[in-house]
């Protein structure tokens, strides 16, 4: 999670991505109020506010994780990924 309003945080992200060259996911999860609320309520952010930037970022991260082998193939059933994308 990154506070994208902070120049120092963005600088740290850039240094990490550069130092680990390809070993870090491209998706950045921005800190926001809805993510804090979801932790407080113990529910996924997608159930708190499916349209917030944090929810979209987590769906993007999940997609990046599922497609990390570069083939676009997933070990999930096609319907499961479709369900996640419908929350966007």
Protein backbone atom coordinates (compact mmCIF):
# COMPACT_ATOMS: atom_id res chain seq x y z
CA UNK A 1 0.00 0.00 0.00
CA UNK A 2 1.30 3.40 -0.97
CA UNK A 3 0.26 6.92 -0.09
CA UNK A 4 0.34 8.24 -3.65
CA UNK A 5 0.08 11.83 -2.36
CA UNK A 6 3.55 11.55 -0.82
CA UNK A 7 6.57 12.22 -3.01
CA UNK A 8 8.79 10.18 -0.68
CA UNK A 9 6.51 7.14 -0.99
CA UNK A 10 6.53 7.39 -4.78
CA UNK A 11 10.33 7.73 -4.71
CA UNK A 12 10.61 4.60 -2.56
CA UNK A 13 8.30 2.67 -4.92
CA UNK A 14 10.46 3.74 -7.87
CA UNK A 15 13.67 2.67 -6.11
CA UNK A 16 12.20 -0.71 -5.16
CA UNK A 17 10.95 -1.34 -8.70
CA UNK A 18 14.33 -0.36 -10.11
CA UNK A 19 16.35 -2.41 -7.60
CA UNK A 20 14.22 -5.53 -8.00
CA UNK A 21 13.84 -5.13 -11.78
CA UNK A 22 10.81 -7.21 -12.76
CA UNK A 23 10.34 -8.96 -9.41
CA UNK A 24 7.74 -6.47 -8.12
CA UNK A 25 4.15 -6.30 -9.27
CA UNK A 26 3.32 -3.22 -11.31
CA UNK A 27 0.02 -2.64 -9.52
CA UNK A 28 0.19 -0.17 -6.65
CA UNK A 29 -2.47 -0.27 -3.95
CA UNK A 30 -3.22 3.33 -2.91
CA UNK A 31 -4.06 4.03 0.71
CA UNK A 32 -7.59 5.33 1.10
CA UNK A 33 -10.42 5.60 3.58
CA UNK A 34 -12.46 2.74 2.10
CA UNK A 35 -9.56 0.30 2.54
CA UNK A 36 -9.31 1.32 6.20
CA UNK A 37 -13.08 0.87 6.60
CA UNK A 38 -12.98 -2.58 5.05
CA UNK A 39 -10.29 -3.65 7.54
CA UNK A 40 -12.33 -2.22 10.41
CA UNK A 41 -15.46 -4.12 9.35
CA UNK A 42 -13.49 -7.26 8.47
CA UNK A 43 -14.92 -7.36 4.96
CA UNK A 44 -13.32 -7.21 1.52
CA UNK A 45 -13.18 -3.67 0.17
CA UNK A 46 -15.08 -4.81 -2.90
CA UNK A 47 -18.11 -5.35 -0.62
CA UNK A 48 -17.71 -1.96 1.07
CA UNK A 49 -17.31 0.13 -2.11
CA UNK A 50 -16.69 -1.69 -5.37
CA UNK A 51 -16.04 1.60 -7.17
CA UNK A 52 -13.27 2.95 -4.95
CA UNK A 53 -9.73 3.14 -6.29
CA UNK A 54 -8.54 0.59 -3.71
CA UNK A 55 -11.07 -2.01 -4.87
CA UNK A 56 -10.11 -1.48 -8.50
CA UNK A 57 -6.43 -1.77 -7.59
CA UNK A 58 -6.95 -5.07 -5.74
CA UNK A 59 -8.83 -6.52 -8.73
CA UNK A 60 -6.00 -5.31 -10.99
CA UNK A 61 -3.44 -6.93 -8.67
CA UNK A 62 -5.37 -10.20 -8.66
CA UNK A 63 -5.45 -10.16 -12.45
CA UNK A 64 -1.72 -9.40 -12.58
CA UNK A 65 -1.02 -12.25 -10.17
CA UNK A 66 -3.16 -14.71 -12.12
CA UNK A 67 -1.48 -13.76 -15.39
CA UNK A 68 2.10 -13.53 -14.15
CA UNK A 69 3.31 -16.37 -16.35
CA UNK A 70 2.57 -14.21 -19.39
CA UNK A 71 0.15 -16.63 -21.00
CA UNK A 72 -3.08 -15.00 -19.85
CA UNK A 73 -4.09 -18.41 -18.52
CA UNK A 74 -5.36 -18.82 -15.01
CA UNK A 75 -5.73 -21.73 -12.66
CA UNK A 76 -9.17 -20.38 -11.74
CA UNK A 77 -12.29 -21.42 -13.55
CA UNK A 78 -13.21 -18.81 -16.16
CA UNK A 79 -16.36 -17.90 -14.24
CA UNK A 80 -14.40 -17.00 -11.09
CA UNK A 81 -12.31 -14.34 -12.83
CA UNK A 82 -15.40 -13.04 -14.60
CA UNK A 83 -17.10 -12.58 -11.24
CA UNK A 84 -14.15 -10.52 -9.98
CA UNK A 85 -14.12 -8.36 -13.10
CA UNK A 86 -17.86 -7.69 -12.76
CA UNK A 87 -17.14 -5.91 -9.47
CA UNK A 88 -15.12 -3.29 -11.32
